[in-house]
Amino acid sequence: MKAKIKEKVIEAGQKIKRFKVKLDYKTSITIRDLGALDLWKERYPNAKVVGTIFS
């Protein structure tokens, strides 16, 4: 069964507040900036951004 992919359009004036990151098959975290993603990628090389939270 395939998962549905959701896409969001960023409108003018919207700011991205947080990023949802999948570290491994069972661990997800929320970070405030992509600089923190670099730190997490050192421990979890397969980490990837799976979503965003807008203001």
N, C-alpha and C. Protein backbone atom coordinates (compact mmCIF):
# COMPACT_ATOMS: atom_id res chain seq x y z
N MET A 1 0.84 -1.18 0.00
CA MET A 1 0.00 0.00 0.00
C MET A 1 0.89 1.24 0.00
N LYS A 2 0.65 2.12 -0.95
CA LYS A 2 1.46 3.34 -1.05
C LYS A 2 0.88 4.43 -0.17
N ALA A 3 1.76 5.22 0.40
CA ALA A 3 1.32 6.36 1.20
C ALA A 3 1.02 7.53 0.27
N LYS A 4 0.01 8.31 0.63
CA LYS A 4 -0.33 9.48 -0.16
C LYS A 4 0.64 10.61 0.16
N ILE A 5 1.06 11.32 -0.86
CA ILE A 5 1.98 12.43 -0.68
C ILE A 5 1.16 13.72 -0.63
N LYS A 6 1.35 14.48 0.42
CA LYS A 6 0.66 15.75 0.58
C LYS A 6 1.60 16.88 0.24
N GLU A 7 1.12 17.82 -0.54
CA GLU A 7 1.92 18.99 -0.87
C GLU A 7 1.21 20.23 -0.39
N LYS A 8 1.97 21.16 0.16
CA LYS A 8 1.39 22.43 0.61
C LYS A 8 2.03 23.56 -0.17
N VAL A 9 1.22 24.54 -0.51
CA VAL A 9 1.72 25.71 -1.21
C VAL A 9 1.96 26.79 -0.17
N ILE A 10 3.16 27.36 -0.18
CA ILE A 10 3.50 28.43 0.75
C ILE A 10 2.97 29.74 0.17
N GLU A 11 2.08 30.39 0.90
CA GLU A 11 1.54 31.67 0.46
C GLU A 11 2.44 32.80 0.94
N ALA A 12 2.31 33.94 0.31
CA ALA A 12 3.09 35.11 0.70
C ALA A 12 2.78 35.46 2.15
N GLY A 13 3.80 35.72 2.93
CA GLY A 13 3.63 36.11 4.32
C GLY A 13 3.71 34.94 5.29
N GLN A 14 3.64 33.72 4.79
CA GLN A 14 3.76 32.57 5.68
C GLN A 14 5.23 32.29 5.98
N LYS A 15 5.50 31.95 7.21
CA LYS A 15 6.86 31.61 7.60
C LYS A 15 6.88 30.18 8.12
N ILE A 16 7.92 29.47 7.80
CA ILE A 16 8.07 28.12 8.31
C ILE A 16 8.61 28.22 9.73
N LYS A 17 7.87 27.66 10.68
CA LYS A 17 8.25 27.74 12.08
C LYS A 17 9.11 26.55 12.50
N ARG A 18 8.72 25.35 12.05
CA ARG A 18 9.41 24.14 12.49
C ARG A 18 9.43 23.11 11.37
N PHE A 19 10.36 22.18 11.50
CA PHE A 19 10.50 21.09 10.54
C PHE A 19 10.34 19.77 11.27
N LYS A 20 9.55 18.86 10.70
CA LYS A 20 9.44 17.51 11.23
C LYS A 20 10.50 16.66 10.54
N VAL A 21 11.28 15.95 11.35
CA VAL A 21 12.40 15.17 10.83
C VAL A 21 12.24 13.72 11.27
N LYS A 22 12.40 12.81 10.33
CA LYS A 22 12.37 11.37 10.62
C LYS A 22 13.82 10.91 10.75
N LEU A 23 14.20 10.47 11.95
CA LEU A 23 15.57 10.06 12.21
C LEU A 23 15.81 8.62 11.80
N ASP A 24 14.90 7.74 12.18
CA ASP A 24 14.97 6.35 11.76
C ASP A 24 13.55 5.82 11.66
N TYR A 25 13.38 4.52 11.55
CA TYR A 25 12.05 3.98 11.28
C TYR A 25 11.04 4.22 12.38
N LYS A 26 11.49 4.53 13.61
CA LYS A 26 10.54 4.73 14.70
C LYS A 26 10.68 6.07 15.42
N THR A 27 11.63 6.90 15.04
CA THR A 27 11.90 8.14 15.77
C THR A 27 11.70 9.35 14.89
N SER A 28 10.83 10.27 15.34
CA SER A 28 10.61 11.55 14.67
C SER A 28 10.83 12.67 15.67
N ILE A 29 11.37 13.80 15.20
CA ILE A 29 11.59 14.96 16.05
C ILE A 29 11.13 16.20 15.31
N THR A 30 11.01 17.30 16.02
CA THR A 30 10.69 18.60 15.45
C THR A 30 11.83 19.55 15.78
N ILE A 31 12.34 20.23 14.74
CA ILE A 31 13.44 21.18 14.95
C ILE A 31 13.03 22.55 14.43
N ARG A 32 13.71 23.59 14.90
CA ARG A 32 13.36 24.96 14.52
C ARG A 32 14.10 25.45 13.29
N ASP A 33 15.32 24.99 13.07
CA ASP A 33 16.06 25.46 11.90
C ASP A 33 16.84 24.31 11.28
N LEU A 34 17.21 24.49 10.03
CA LEU A 34 17.90 23.43 9.32
C LEU A 34 19.35 23.26 9.77
N GLY A 35 19.87 24.22 10.50
CA GLY A 35 21.20 24.07 11.08
C GLY A 35 21.23 22.93 12.09
N ALA A 36 20.14 22.76 12.82
CA ALA A 36 20.06 21.66 13.77
C ALA A 36 20.01 20.32 13.06
N LEU A 37 19.51 20.30 11.83
CA LEU A 37 19.45 19.06 11.07
C LEU A 37 20.86 18.52 10.80
N ASP A 38 21.80 19.41 10.57
CA ASP A 38 23.19 18.97 10.35
C ASP A 38 23.73 18.23 11.57
N LEU A 39 23.41 18.71 12.77
CA LEU A 39 23.87 18.05 13.99
C LEU A 39 23.25 16.66 14.12
N TRP A 40 21.94 16.56 13.81
CA TRP A 40 21.28 15.27 13.91
C TRP A 40 21.77 14.30 12.84
N LYS A 41 22.16 14.81 11.67
CA LYS A 41 22.64 13.94 10.60
C LYS A 41 23.98 13.29 10.95
N GLU A 42 24.72 13.88 11.89
CA GLU A 42 25.96 13.26 12.34
C GLU A 42 25.67 11.94 13.06
N ARG A 43 24.61 11.92 13.85
CA ARG A 43 24.24 10.71 14.59
C ARG A 43 23.36 9.78 13.76
N TYR A 44 22.50 10.37 12.93
CA TYR A 44 21.56 9.60 12.11
C TYR A 44 21.74 10.01 10.65
N PRO A 45 22.63 9.35 9.92
CA PRO A 45 22.93 9.75 8.53
C PRO A 45 21.73 9.68 7.59
N ASN A 46 20.73 8.87 7.92
CA ASN A 46 19.56 8.73 7.05
C ASN A 46 18.42 9.68 7.43
N ALA A 47 18.67 10.64 8.30
CA ALA A 47 17.63 11.58 8.71
C ALA A 47 17.17 12.41 7.52
N LYS A 48 15.83 12.67 7.47
CA LYS A 48 15.30 13.49 6.39
C LYS A 48 14.09 14.28 6.88
N VAL A 49 13.87 15.43 6.25
CA VAL A 49 12.73 16.29 6.58
C VAL A 49 11.49 15.68 5.94
N VAL A 50 10.44 15.48 6.74
CA VAL A 50 9.22 14.88 6.22
C VAL A 50 8.05 15.84 6.22
N GLY A 51 8.20 17.01 6.86
CA GLY A 51 7.11 17.96 6.88
C GLY A 51 7.53 19.29 7.47
N THR A 52 6.65 20.27 7.32
CA THR A 52 6.90 21.60 7.86
C THR A 52 5.67 22.07 8.61
N ILE A 53 5.89 22.98 9.55
CA ILE A 53 4.80 23.59 10.32
C ILE A 53 4.88 25.09 10.07
N PHE A 54 3.81 25.67 9.54
CA PHE A 54 3.78 27.08 9.19
C PHE A 54 3.18 27.91 10.30
N SER A 55 3.46 29.21 10.26
CA SER A 55 2.88 30.13 11.25
C SER A 55 1.51 30.57 10.80
